């Protein structure tokens, strides 16, 4: 049984979710201790319990210590089964983070899977849905993953109520090729239970910052259980980079749009293969391929360092980070 120190690096829920994904994908029993030890409320919270519950369902795992506040669990996976699944986080817990824990093992399942999850689709500290669909899943498709997603309803903090469906086919992961060329920028500004002009102002601010490149941003206004707004922008072409920013009470729409534009500009200027958020999200898949290669990202984040450390516990130094001038090389 592989023992994992959940306090390593950023010491949050990411270690647990990634450990569950790799445990199922590799068929390896794990013990995770010091769960979320670096947080003000350590141990398992509601959304982490739901992640373990969902993982246990898709592979028939045997578990111990799975209760609220627990800082030590064991997880012994069985064979991952395809089919149809429905999971309800029950709060505004992140739908996209839960799905990221379930996708790696499902790719290698013997049959296709359809997974529906209810919770928060656009909430703090997690990838907004449009980033998940257009950047994260976009990169997986370039790795020959047969995966589609559908946003059934958006959900925001505190009530959640959003719904996402994904369909995953079976197949074999391929490596990801380095990319730098950009043809255009796409995006989506969204608003719920708030004036539509907020989305218009976010869009306008972004367009002002990208006058030298073809940029198209759609606007979505919809009903949801809680008010929410935000904007996600991403590049199209050979290079796939993105940035999403959610609106906050008291923060002008123009500032939200500016943050998104500034963030994407940094990624474009660095001319790297992966933006800093995609880097830590994609490397578990890179480790599971039977190929090798080198990609680049702008800098080492706490999430990236933590995921590399964890992957190398499973894979025996399959991933290496090399800081080289203004970029970081990810060798897999």
C-alpha atoms as a PDB file:
ATOM      1  CA  UNK A   1       0.000   0.000   0.000  1.00  0.00           C
ATOM      2  CA  UNK A   2       1.419   3.346  -1.072  1.00  0.00           C
ATOM      3  CA  UNK A   3       1.454   5.912   1.766  1.00  0.00           C
ATOM      4  CA  UNK A   4       0.961   9.544   0.786  1.00  0.00           C
ATOM      5  CA  UNK A   5       1.560  12.582   2.965  1.00  0.00           C
ATOM      6  CA  UNK A   6      -1.381  14.893   2.280  1.00  0.00           C
ATOM      7  CA  UNK A   7       0.462  17.849   3.841  1.00  0.00           C
ATOM      8  CA  UNK A   8       3.107  17.949   1.108  1.00  0.00           C
ATOM      9  CA  UNK A   9       3.412  21.095  -0.988  1.00  0.00           C
ATOM     10  CA  UNK A  10       0.169  23.035  -1.270  1.00  0.00           C
ATOM     11  CA  UNK A  11      -1.352  20.490   1.121  1.00  0.00           C
ATOM     12  CA  UNK A  12      -4.972  20.857   0.010  1.00  0.00           C
ATOM     13  CA  UNK A  13      -7.652  18.747  -1.600  1.00  0.00           C
ATOM     14  CA  UNK A  14      -5.747  18.410  -4.856  1.00  0.00           C
ATOM     15  CA  UNK A  15      -3.426  15.750  -3.426  1.00  0.00           C
ATOM     16  CA  UNK A  16      -6.425  13.660  -2.412  1.00  0.00           C
ATOM     17  CA  UNK A  17      -8.202  13.965  -5.771  1.00  0.00           C
ATOM     18  CA  UNK A  18      -5.055  13.241  -7.774  1.00  0.00           C
ATOM     19  CA  UNK A  19      -4.185  10.321  -5.499  1.00  0.00           C
ATOM     20  CA  UNK A  20      -7.644   8.821  -6.035  1.00  0.00           C
ATOM     21  CA  UNK A  21      -7.319   9.217  -9.816  1.00  0.00           C
ATOM     22  CA  UNK A  22      -3.882   7.602  -9.969  1.00  0.00           C
ATOM     23  CA  UNK A  23      -4.862   4.867  -7.520  1.00  0.00           C
ATOM     24  CA  UNK A  24      -7.743   3.826  -9.778  1.00  0.00           C
ATOM     25  CA  UNK A  25      -5.791   4.228 -13.015  1.00  0.00           C
ATOM     26  CA  UNK A  26      -2.852   2.172 -11.698  1.00  0.00           C
ATOM     27  CA  UNK A  27      -4.883  -0.249  -9.592  1.00  0.00           C
ATOM     28  CA  UNK A  28      -2.820   0.546  -6.510  1.00  0.00           C
ATOM     29  CA  UNK A  29      -3.966   0.661  -2.873  1.00  0.00           C
ATOM     30  CA  UNK A  30      -3.227   3.913  -1.075  1.00  0.00           C
ATOM     31  CA  UNK A  31      -3.198   5.369   2.401  1.00  0.00           C
ATOM     32  CA  UNK A  32      -3.448   9.165   2.577  1.00  0.00           C
ATOM     33  CA  UNK A  33      -2.554  10.801   5.896  1.00  0.00           C
ATOM     34  CA  UNK A  34      -2.440  14.448   7.034  1.00  0.00           C
ATOM     35  CA  UNK A  35      -5.290  15.247   4.639  1.00  0.00           C
ATOM     36  CA  UNK A  36      -5.596  19.002   4.061  1.00  0.00           C
ATOM     37  CA  UNK A  37      -3.223  19.566   6.972  1.00  0.00           C
ATOM     38  CA  UNK A  38      -2.243  22.990   5.641  1.00  0.00           C
ATOM     39  CA  UNK A  39      -5.801  24.306   5.742  1.00  0.00           C
ATOM     40  CA  UNK A  40      -7.530  26.180   8.577  1.00  0.00           C
ATOM     41  CA  UNK A  41     -10.118  23.369   8.725  1.00  0.00           C
ATOM     42  CA  UNK A  42      -8.027  20.233   8.120  1.00  0.00           C
ATOM     43  CA  UNK A  43      -9.417  16.839   7.199  1.00  0.00           C
ATOM     44  CA  UNK A  44     -12.145  15.796   4.805  1.00  0.00           C
ATOM     45  CA  UNK A  45     -14.878  18.310   4.032  1.00  0.00           C
ATOM     46  CA  UNK A  46     -18.182  17.574   2.331  1.00  0.00           C
ATOM     47  CA  UNK A  47     -16.902  17.899  -1.237  1.00  0.00           C
ATOM     48  CA  UNK A  48     -13.895  15.660  -0.543  1.00  0.00           C
ATOM     49  CA  UNK A  49     -16.189  13.010   0.899  1.00  0.00           C
ATOM     50  CA  UNK A  50     -18.201  13.196  -2.318  1.00  0.00           C
ATOM     51  CA  UNK A  51     -15.044  12.736  -4.390  1.00  0.00           C
ATOM     52  CA  UNK A  52     -14.128   9.574  -2.471  1.00  0.00           C
ATOM     53  CA  UNK A  53     -17.719   8.365  -2.705  1.00  0.00           C
ATOM     54  CA  UNK A  54     -17.808   8.862  -6.488  1.00  0.00           C
ATOM     55  CA  UNK A  55     -14.420   7.207  -6.954  1.00  0.00           C
ATOM     56  CA  UNK A  56     -15.526   4.258  -4.837  1.00  0.00           C
ATOM     57  CA  UNK A  57     -18.665   3.798  -6.928  1.00  0.00           C
ATOM     58  CA  UNK A  58     -16.911   3.666 -10.300  1.00  0.00           C
ATOM     59  CA  UNK A  59     -14.358   1.085  -9.171  1.00  0.00           C
ATOM     60  CA  UNK A  60     -16.006  -0.749  -6.260  1.00  0.00           C
ATOM     61  CA  UNK A  61     -13.296   0.384  -3.853  1.00  0.00           C
ATOM     62  CA  UNK A  62     -12.933  -0.658  -0.231  1.00  0.00           C
ATOM     63  CA  UNK A  63     -12.273   2.299   2.061  1.00  0.00           C
ATOM     64  CA  UNK A  64     -11.564   3.168   5.685  1.00  0.00           C
ATOM     65  CA  UNK A  65     -11.666   6.468   7.544  1.00  0.00           C
ATOM     66  CA  UNK A  66     -14.058   8.170   5.129  1.00  0.00           C
ATOM     67  CA  UNK A  67     -15.922  10.564   7.412  1.00  0.00           C
ATOM     68  CA  UNK A  68     -16.063  14.331   7.829  1.00  0.00           C
ATOM     69  CA  UNK A  69     -12.931  15.752   9.429  1.00  0.00           C
ATOM     70  CA  UNK A  70     -10.900  12.586   8.924  1.00  0.00           C
ATOM     71  CA  UNK A  71      -7.214  13.176   8.200  1.00  0.00           C
ATOM     72  CA  UNK A  72      -6.405   9.562   7.362  1.00  0.00           C
ATOM     73  CA  UNK A  73      -8.056   7.273   4.795  1.00  0.00           C
ATOM     74  CA  UNK A  74      -7.270   4.073   2.950  1.00  0.00           C
ATOM     75  CA  UNK A  75      -8.538   3.424  -0.562  1.00  0.00           C
ATOM     76  CA  UNK A  76      -8.293   0.022  -2.231  1.00  0.00           C
ATOM     77  CA  UNK A  77      -9.639   0.235  -5.787  1.00  0.00           C
ATOM     78  CA  UNK A  78     -11.264  -2.528  -7.770  1.00  0.00           C
ATOM     79  CA  UNK A  79     -11.679  -2.582 -11.535  1.00  0.00           C
ATOM     80  CA  UNK A  80     -13.001   0.631 -13.038  1.00  0.00           C
ATOM     81  CA  UNK A  81     -16.383   0.106 -14.676  1.00  0.00           C
ATOM     82  CA  UNK A  82     -17.893   2.167 -17.474  1.00  0.00           C
ATOM     83  CA  UNK A  83     -21.627   2.787 -17.735  1.00  0.00           C
ATOM     84  CA  UNK A  84     -23.910   5.576 -16.564  1.00  0.00           C
ATOM     85  CA  UNK A  85     -23.347   7.452 -13.297  1.00  0.00           C
ATOM     86  CA  UNK A  86     -25.061  10.315 -11.491  1.00  0.00           C
ATOM     87  CA  UNK A  87     -23.368  12.166  -8.641  1.00  0.00           C
ATOM     88  CA  UNK A  88     -24.777  15.032  -6.587  1.00  0.00           C
ATOM     89  CA  UNK A  89     -22.247  17.006  -4.568  1.00  0.00           C
ATOM     90  CA  UNK A  90     -25.188  18.508  -2.700  1.00  0.00           C
ATOM     91  CA  UNK A  91     -23.564  21.940  -2.336  1.00  0.00           C
ATOM     92  CA  UNK A  92     -21.743  24.380  -4.617  1.00  0.00           C
ATOM     93  CA  UNK A  93     -18.703  22.095  -4.471  1.00  0.00           C
ATOM     94  CA  UNK A  94     -16.818  22.098  -7.767  1.00  0.00           C
ATOM     95  CA  UNK A  95     -18.172  19.871 -10.513  1.00  0.00           C
ATOM     96  CA  UNK A  96     -15.043  20.312 -12.618  1.00  0.00           C
ATOM     97  CA  UNK A  97     -12.662  19.238  -9.841  1.00  0.00           C
ATOM     98  CA  UNK A  98     -14.712  16.111  -9.163  1.00  0.00           C
ATOM     99  CA  UNK A  99     -14.718  15.199 -12.850  1.00  0.00           C
ATOM    100  CA  UNK A 100     -10.953  15.681 -13.080  1.00  0.00           C
ATOM    101  CA  UNK A 101     -10.557  12.926 -10.476  1.00  0.00           C
ATOM    102  CA  UNK A 102     -12.794  10.512 -12.392  1.00  0.00           C
ATOM    103  CA  UNK A 103     -11.630  11.013 -15.979  1.00  0.00           C
ATOM    104  CA  UNK A 104      -8.096   9.460 -15.822  1.00  0.00           C
ATOM    105  CA  UNK A 105      -9.217   5.958 -14.756  1.00  0.00           C
ATOM    106  CA  UNK A 106     -12.294   6.040 -17.003  1.00  0.00           C
ATOM    107  CA  UNK A 107     -10.173   6.420 -20.144  1.00  0.00           C
ATOM    108  CA  UNK A 108      -8.796   2.920 -19.612  1.00  0.00           C
ATOM    109  CA  UNK A 109     -12.141   1.306 -18.718  1.00  0.00           C
ATOM    110  CA  UNK A 110     -13.421  -1.560 -20.854  1.00  0.00           C
ATOM    111  CA  UNK A 111     -16.620   0.262 -21.832  1.00  0.00           C
ATOM    112  CA  UNK A 112     -17.769   3.817 -22.446  1.00  0.00           C
ATOM    113  CA  UNK A 113     -19.043   5.956 -19.581  1.00  0.00           C
ATOM    114  CA  UNK A 114     -21.531   8.767 -19.120  1.00  0.00           C
ATOM    115  CA  UNK A 115     -21.165  10.802 -15.946  1.00  0.00           C
ATOM    116  CA  UNK A 116     -23.548  13.491 -14.733  1.00  0.00           C
ATOM    117  CA  UNK A 117     -22.567  15.674 -11.782  1.00  0.00           C
ATOM    118  CA  UNK A 118     -24.607  18.263  -9.908  1.00  0.00           C
ATOM    119  CA  UNK A 119     -22.939  21.069  -7.918  1.00  0.00           C
ATOM    120  CA  UNK A 120     -21.038  24.278  -8.671  1.00  0.00           C
ATOM    121  CA  UNK A 121     -19.924  24.782 -12.272  1.00  0.00           C
ATOM    122  CA  UNK A 122     -18.307  28.194 -11.809  1.00  0.00           C
ATOM    123  CA  UNK A 123     -17.006  28.592  -8.269  1.00  0.00           C
ATOM    124  CA  UNK A 124     -13.853  29.907  -6.593  1.00  0.00           C
ATOM    125  CA  UNK A 125     -10.648  27.874  -6.454  1.00  0.00           C
ATOM    126  CA  UNK A 126     -11.610  25.613  -9.357  1.00  0.00           C
ATOM    127  CA  UNK A 127     -11.665  25.679 -13.165  1.00  0.00           C
ATOM    128  CA  UNK A 128     -14.756  27.475 -14.513  1.00  0.00           C
ATOM    129  CA  UNK A 129     -16.808  25.261 -16.813  1.00  0.00           C
ATOM    130  CA  UNK A 130     -15.783  27.062 -20.008  1.00  0.00           C
ATOM    131  CA  UNK A 131     -12.097  26.610 -19.149  1.00  0.00           C
ATOM    132  CA  UNK A 132     -12.764  22.937 -18.360  1.00  0.00           C
ATOM    133  CA  UNK A 133     -14.503  22.402 -21.712  1.00  0.00           C
ATOM    134  CA  UNK A 134     -12.348  24.508 -24.024  1.00  0.00           C
ATOM    135  CA  UNK A 135      -8.863  24.232 -22.531  1.00  0.00           C
ATOM    136  CA  UNK A 136      -8.635  21.174 -20.266  1.00  0.00           C
ATOM    137  CA  UNK A 137     -10.813  18.867 -22.373  1.00  0.00           C
ATOM    138  CA  UNK A 138      -9.423  20.476 -25.521  1.00  0.00           C
ATOM    139  CA  UNK A 139      -5.943  19.342 -24.510  1.00  0.00           C
ATOM    140  CA  UNK A 140      -7.205  15.844 -23.698  1.00  0.00           C
ATOM    141  CA  UNK A 141      -8.769  15.588 -27.149  1.00  0.00           C
ATOM    142  CA  UNK A 142      -5.360  16.402 -28.611  1.00  0.00           C
ATOM    143  CA  UNK A 143      -4.109  13.408 -26.627  1.00  0.00           C
ATOM    144  CA  UNK A 144      -6.630  11.261 -28.521  1.00  0.00           C
ATOM    145  CA  UNK A 145      -9.121  11.069 -25.646  1.00  0.00           C
ATOM    146  CA  UNK A 146     -12.681  10.535 -26.885  1.00  0.00           C
ATOM    147  CA  UNK A 147     -14.515  12.900 -24.539  1.00  0.00           C
ATOM    148  CA  UNK A 148     -17.376  15.368 -24.846  1.00  0.00           C
ATOM    149  CA  UNK A 149     -19.097  17.536 -22.264  1.00  0.00           C
ATOM    150  CA  UNK A 150     -22.411  19.329 -22.021  1.00  0.00           C
ATOM    151  CA  UNK A 151     -23.333  22.149 -19.677  1.00  0.00           C
ATOM    152  CA  UNK A 152     -26.900  21.390 -18.614  1.00  0.00           C
ATOM    153  CA  UNK A 153     -27.160  24.231 -16.094  1.00  0.00           C
ATOM    154  CA  UNK A 154     -24.744  26.625 -14.432  1.00  0.00           C
ATOM    155  CA  UNK A 155     -24.418  26.652 -10.673  1.00  0.00           C
ATOM    156  CA  UNK A 156     -22.785  29.235  -8.410  1.00  0.00           C
ATOM    157  CA  UNK A 157     -21.995  29.655  -4.721  1.00  0.00           C
ATOM    158  CA  UNK A 158     -23.734  29.214  -2.323  1.00  0.00           C
ATOM    159  CA  UNK A 159     -26.617  27.083  -3.656  1.00  0.00           C
ATOM    160  CA  UNK A 160     -24.927  25.309  -6.554  1.00  0.00           C
ATOM    161  CA  UNK A 161     -27.486  23.380  -8.567  1.00  0.00           C
ATOM    162  CA  UNK A 162     -25.385  23.317 -11.736  1.00  0.00           C
ATOM    163  CA  UNK A 163     -25.271  20.188 -13.873  1.00  0.00           C
ATOM    164  CA  UNK A 164     -22.658  18.872 -16.288  1.00  0.00           C
ATOM    165  CA  UNK A 165     -22.652  15.687 -18.364  1.00  0.00           C
ATOM    166  CA  UNK A 166     -19.566  14.108 -19.885  1.00  0.00           C
ATOM    167  CA  UNK A 167     -19.242  11.112 -22.212  1.00  0.00           C
ATOM    168  CA  UNK A 168     -15.943   9.228 -22.215  1.00  0.00           C
ATOM    169  CA  UNK A 169     -14.978   6.633 -24.812  1.00  0.00           C
ATOM    170  CA  UNK A 170     -12.325   3.966 -24.353  1.00  0.00           C
ATOM    171  CA  UNK A 171      -8.901   4.321 -25.919  1.00  0.00           C
ATOM    172  CA  UNK A 172      -5.204   4.834 -25.347  1.00  0.00           C
ATOM    173  CA  UNK A 173      -3.660   8.121 -24.274  1.00  0.00           C
ATOM    174  CA  UNK A 174      -1.150   9.679 -26.640  1.00  0.00           C
ATOM    175  CA  UNK A 175       1.463  12.296 -25.869  1.00  0.00           C
ATOM    176  CA  UNK A 176       0.883  16.015 -26.297  1.00  0.00           C
ATOM    177  CA  UNK A 177       2.897  17.905 -28.905  1.00  0.00           C
ATOM    178  CA  UNK A 178       4.496  21.283 -28.099  1.00  0.00           C
ATOM    179  CA  UNK A 179       2.589  24.219 -29.584  1.00  0.00           C
ATOM    180  CA  UNK A 180       3.095  27.970 -29.899  1.00  0.00           C
ATOM    181  CA  UNK A 181       1.127  29.421 -32.814  1.00  0.00           C
ATOM    182  CA  UNK A 182      -2.113  31.313 -32.111  1.00  0.00           C
ATOM    183  CA  UNK A 183      -4.770  32.107 -34.725  1.00  0.00           C
ATOM    184  CA  UNK A 184      -7.456  33.831 -32.660  1.00  0.00           C
ATOM    185  CA  UNK A 185      -8.998  34.280 -29.221  1.00  0.00           C
ATOM    186  CA  UNK A 186     -12.416  32.977 -28.225  1.00  0.00           C
ATOM    187  CA  UNK A 187     -14.323  33.541 -25.014  1.00  0.00           C
ATOM    188  CA  UNK A 188     -17.544  33.584 -23.102  1.00  0.00           C
ATOM    189  CA  UNK A 189     -18.841  36.159 -20.618  1.00  0.00           C
ATOM    190  CA  UNK A 190     -21.715  34.908 -18.498  1.00  0.00           C
ATOM    191  CA  UNK A 191     -24.138  36.392 -16.003  1.00  0.00           C
ATOM    192  CA  UNK A 192     -26.962  34.974 -13.911  1.00  0.00           C
ATOM    193  CA  UNK A 193     -29.550  36.791 -11.809  1.00  0.00           C
ATOM    194  CA  UNK A 194     -27.681  40.059 -12.446  1.00  0.00           C
ATOM    195  CA  UNK A 195     -27.932  42.775 -15.123  1.00  0.00           C
ATOM    196  CA  UNK A 196     -26.694  41.619 -18.533  1.00  0.00           C
ATOM    197  CA  UNK A 197     -24.618  44.783 -18.965  1.00  0.00           C
ATOM    198  CA  UNK A 198     -22.091  43.289 -16.514  1.00  0.00           C
ATOM    199  CA  UNK A 199     -21.185  40.637 -19.080  1.00  0.00           C
ATOM    200  CA  UNK A 200     -21.133  43.256 -21.834  1.00  0.00           C
ATOM    201  CA  UNK A 201     -18.653  45.372 -19.860  1.00  0.00           C
ATOM    202  CA  UNK A 202     -16.357  42.417 -19.190  1.00  0.00           C
ATOM    203  CA  UNK A 203     -16.415  41.560 -22.880  1.00  0.00           C
ATOM    204  CA  UNK A 204     -15.721  45.133 -23.949  1.00  0.00           C
ATOM    205  CA  UNK A 205     -12.707  45.380 -21.650  1.00  0.00           C
ATOM    206  CA  UNK A 206     -11.180  42.196 -23.036  1.00  0.00           C
ATOM    207  CA  UNK A 207     -11.753  43.274 -26.644  1.00  0.00           C
ATOM    208  CA  UNK A 208      -9.908  46.549 -25.932  1.00  0.00           C
ATOM    209  CA  UNK A 209      -6.863  44.556 -24.835  1.00  0.00           C
ATOM    210  CA  UNK A 210      -6.674  42.350 -27.943  1.00  0.00           C
ATOM    211  CA  UNK A 211      -7.083  44.781 -30.844  1.00  0.00           C
ATOM    212  CA  UNK A 212      -4.225  43.159 -32.779  1.00  0.00           C
ATOM    213  CA  UNK A 213      -5.733  39.668 -32.945  1.00  0.00           C
ATOM    214  CA  UNK A 214      -9.097  38.323 -34.097  1.00  0.00           C
ATOM    215  CA  UNK A 215     -11.154  38.016 -30.886  1.00  0.00           C
ATOM    216  CA  UNK A 216     -14.715  36.769 -30.488  1.00  0.00           C
ATOM    217  CA  UNK A 217     -16.548  36.633 -27.148  1.00  0.00           C
ATOM    218  CA  UNK A 218     -20.103  35.403 -26.727  1.00  0.00           C
ATOM    219  CA  UNK A 219     -22.443  36.426 -23.923  1.00  0.00           C
ATOM    220  CA  UNK A 220     -24.633  34.060 -21.949  1.00  0.00           C
ATOM    221  CA  UNK A 221     -27.426  35.226 -19.638  1.00  0.00           C
ATOM    222  CA  UNK A 222     -29.323  32.530 -17.765  1.00  0.00           C
ATOM    223  CA  UNK A 223     -31.246  31.599 -14.640  1.00  0.00           C
ATOM    224  CA  UNK A 224     -29.645  29.799 -11.700  1.00  0.00           C
ATOM    225  CA  UNK A 225     -30.177  29.190  -7.993  1.00  0.00           C
ATOM    226  CA  UNK A 226     -27.539  31.783  -7.037  1.00  0.00           C
ATOM    227  CA  UNK A 227     -26.278  34.908  -8.760  1.00  0.00           C
ATOM    228  CA  UNK A 228     -22.956  34.677 -10.526  1.00  0.00           C
ATOM    229  CA  UNK A 229     -20.855  36.089 -13.328  1.00  0.00           C
ATOM    230  CA  UNK A 230     -17.471  35.689 -14.941  1.00  0.00           C
ATOM    231  CA  UNK A 231     -15.497  35.495 -18.162  1.00  0.00           C
ATOM    232  CA  UNK A 232     -13.291  32.812 -19.692  1.00  0.00           C
ATOM    233  CA  UNK A 233     -11.028  33.441 -22.689  1.00  0.00           C
ATOM    234  CA  UNK A 234      -8.803  31.031 -24.592  1.00  0.00           C
ATOM    235  CA  UNK A 235      -6.632  30.857 -27.679  1.00  0.00           C
ATOM    236  CA  UNK A 236      -7.474  28.939 -30.841  1.00  0.00           C
ATOM    237  CA  UNK A 237      -5.034  27.445 -33.320  1.00  0.00           C
ATOM    238  CA  UNK A 238      -1.944  25.348 -32.709  1.00  0.00           C
ATOM    239  CA  UNK A 239      -1.628  26.745 -29.177  1.00  0.00           C
ATOM    240  CA  UNK A 240      -4.334  26.246 -26.536  1.00  0.00           C
ATOM    241  CA  UNK A 241      -4.026  28.579 -23.544  1.00  0.00           C
ATOM    242  CA  UNK A 242      -6.739  30.005 -21.314  1.00  0.00           C
ATOM    243  CA  UNK A 243      -7.702  32.213 -18.409  1.00  0.00           C
ATOM    244  CA  UNK A 244     -10.927  32.429 -16.446  1.00  0.00           C
ATOM    245  CA  UNK A 245     -11.948  35.005 -13.837  1.00  0.00           C
ATOM    246  CA  UNK A 246     -15.155  35.004 -11.805  1.00  0.00           C
ATOM    247  CA  UNK A 247     -16.906  38.192 -10.767  1.00  0.00           C
ATOM    248  CA  UNK A 248     -16.884  39.234  -7.112  1.00  0.00           C
ATOM    249  CA  UNK A 249     -19.132  41.519  -5.124  1.00  0.00           C
ATOM    250  CA  UNK A 250     -17.678  45.031  -5.173  1.00  0.00           C
ATOM    251  CA  UNK A 251     -15.296  44.339  -8.080  1.00  0.00           C
ATOM    252  CA  UNK A 252     -16.184  46.308 -11.247  1.00  0.00           C
ATOM    253  CA  UNK A 253     -16.888  44.272 -14.374  1.00  0.00           C
ATOM    254  CA  UNK A 254     -14.091  46.094 -16.168  1.00  0.00           C
ATOM    255  CA  UNK A 255     -11.569  44.912 -13.599  1.00  0.00           C
ATOM    256  CA  UNK A 256     -12.750  41.306 -13.985  1.00  0.00           C
ATOM    257  CA  UNK A 257     -12.291  41.556 -17.747  1.00  0.00           C
ATOM    258  CA  UNK A 258      -8.883  43.210 -17.283  1.00  0.00           C
ATOM    259  CA  UNK A 259      -7.698  40.409 -14.998  1.00  0.00           C
ATOM    260  CA  UNK A 260      -8.684  37.827 -17.586  1.00  0.00           C
ATOM    261  CA  UNK A 261      -6.950  39.741 -20.393  1.00  0.00           C
ATOM    262  CA  UNK A 262      -3.789  40.349 -18.374  1.00  0.00           C
ATOM    263  CA  UNK A 263      -3.618  36.685 -17.381  1.00  0.00           C
ATOM    264  CA  UNK A 264      -3.949  35.418 -20.938  1.00  0.00           C
ATOM    265  CA  UNK A 265      -1.470  38.006 -22.222  1.00  0.00           C
ATOM    266  CA  UNK A 266       1.173  36.635 -19.844  1.00  0.00           C
ATOM    267  CA  UNK A 267       0.612  33.130 -21.179  1.00  0.00           C
ATOM    268  CA  UNK A 268       0.757  34.247 -24.814  1.00  0.00           C
ATOM    269  CA  UNK A 269       3.901  36.289 -24.254  1.00  0.00           C
ATOM    270  CA  UNK A 270       5.669  33.301 -22.669  1.00  0.00           C
ATOM    271  CA  UNK A 271       5.007  31.214 -25.822  1.00  0.00           C
ATOM    272  CA  UNK A 272       4.629  27.993 -23.849  1.00  0.00           C
ATOM    273  CA  UNK A 273       2.742  24.757 -24.509  1.00  0.00           C
ATOM    274  CA  UNK A 274       0.590  24.920 -21.378  1.00  0.00           C
ATOM    275  CA  UNK A 275      -0.747  27.782 -19.289  1.00  0.00           C
ATOM    276  CA  UNK A 276       0.099  27.594 -15.607  1.00  0.00           C
ATOM    277  CA  UNK A 277      -3.280  26.151 -14.658  1.00  0.00           C
ATOM    278  CA  UNK A 278      -3.455  23.551 -17.397  1.00  0.00           C
ATOM    279  CA  UNK A 279       0.053  22.337 -16.526  1.00  0.00           C
ATOM    280  CA  UNK A 280      -0.861  20.763 -13.191  1.00  0.00           C
ATOM    281  CA  UNK A 281      -4.199  19.473 -14.522  1.00  0.00           C
ATOM    282  CA  UNK A 282      -2.708  17.678 -17.545  1.00  0.00           C
ATOM    283  CA  UNK A 283       0.422  16.063 -16.126  1.00  0.00           C
ATOM    284  CA  UNK A 284      -1.381  13.054 -14.563  1.00  0.00           C
ATOM    285  CA  UNK A 285      -2.496  12.187 -18.095  1.00  0.00           C
ATOM    286  CA  UNK A 286       1.010  12.706 -19.462  1.00  0.00           C
ATOM    287  CA  UNK A 287       2.330  10.289 -16.848  1.00  0.00           C
ATOM    288  CA  UNK A 288      -0.208   7.666 -17.915  1.00  0.00           C
ATOM    289  CA  UNK A 289       0.817   7.741 -21.591  1.00  0.00           C
ATOM    290  CA  UNK A 290       3.203   5.204 -23.053  1.00  0.00           C
ATOM    291  CA  UNK A 291       5.115   7.955 -24.820  1.00  0.00           C
ATOM    292  CA  UNK A 292       7.609  10.588 -23.715  1.00  0.00           C
ATOM    293  CA  UNK A 293       8.152  14.223 -24.588  1.00  0.00           C
ATOM    294  CA  UNK A 294       8.793  17.734 -23.339  1.00  0.00           C
ATOM    295  CA  UNK A 295       6.313  20.579 -22.898  1.00  0.00           C
ATOM    296  CA  UNK A 296       6.734  24.040 -21.416  1.00  0.00           C
ATOM    297  CA  UNK A 297       4.877  26.247 -18.962  1.00  0.00           C
ATOM    298  CA  UNK A 298       5.502  29.734 -17.613  1.00  0.00           C
ATOM    299  CA  UNK A 299       6.394  28.940 -13.992  1.00  0.00           C
ATOM    300  CA  UNK A 300       6.181  26.293 -11.296  1.00  0.00           C
ATOM    301  CA  UNK A 301       3.044  26.753  -9.202  1.00  0.00           C
ATOM    302  CA  UNK A 302       2.370  25.074  -5.880  1.00  0.00           C
ATOM    303  CA  UNK A 303      -0.236  22.856  -7.541  1.00  0.00           C
ATOM    304  CA  UNK A 304       2.192  21.833 -10.290  1.00  0.00           C
ATOM    305  CA  UNK A 305       4.991  20.978  -7.883  1.00  0.00           C
ATOM    306  CA  UNK A 306       2.607  18.999  -5.688  1.00  0.00           C
ATOM    307  CA  UNK A 307       1.162  16.998  -8.563  1.00  0.00           C
ATOM    308  CA  UNK A 308       4.624  16.183  -9.935  1.00  0.00           C
ATOM    309  CA  UNK A 309       5.714  14.995  -6.480  1.00  0.00           C
ATOM    310  CA  UNK A 310       2.622  12.811  -6.185  1.00  0.00           C
ATOM    311  CA  UNK A 311       2.893  11.355  -9.688  1.00  0.00           C
ATOM    312  CA  UNK A 312       6.494  10.426  -9.064  1.00  0.00           C
ATOM    313  CA  UNK A 313       5.445   8.500  -5.958  1.00  0.00           C
ATOM    314  CA  UNK A 314       3.295   6.342  -8.230  1.00  0.00           C
ATOM    315  CA  UNK A 315       5.413   6.316 -11.387  1.00  0.00           C
ATOM    316  CA  UNK A 316       9.022   6.342 -10.137  1.00  0.00           C
ATOM    317  CA  UNK A 317      10.190   9.716 -11.432  1.00  0.00           C
ATOM    318  CA  UNK A 318       8.196   9.787 -14.649  1.00  0.00           C
ATOM    319  CA  UNK A 319       7.863  13.599 -14.602  1.00  0.00           C
ATOM    320  CA  UNK A 320      10.710  16.117 -14.331  1.00  0.00           C
ATOM    321  CA  UNK A 321      10.542  19.907 -14.036  1.00  0.00           C
ATOM    322  CA  UNK A 322      13.502  21.829 -15.467  1.00  0.00           C
ATOM    323  CA  UNK A 323      13.700  25.588 -15.059  1.00  0.00           C
ATOM    324  CA  UNK A 324      15.250  26.990 -18.238  1.00  0.00           C
ATOM    325  CA  UNK A 325      15.609  30.768 -18.622  1.00  0.00           C
ATOM    326  CA  UNK A 326      12.074  32.209 -18.832  1.00  0.00           C
ATOM    327  CA  UNK A 327      10.161  28.907 -19.034  1.00  0.00           C
ATOM    328  CA  UNK A 328       9.808  25.641 -17.191  1.00  0.00           C
ATOM    329  CA  UNK A 329      10.251  22.424 -19.140  1.00  0.00           C
ATOM    330  CA  UNK A 330       8.002  19.511 -18.226  1.00  0.00           C
ATOM    331  CA  UNK A 331       9.706  16.289 -19.277  1.00  0.00           C
ATOM    332  CA  UNK A 332       7.520  13.186 -19.214  1.00  0.00           C
END
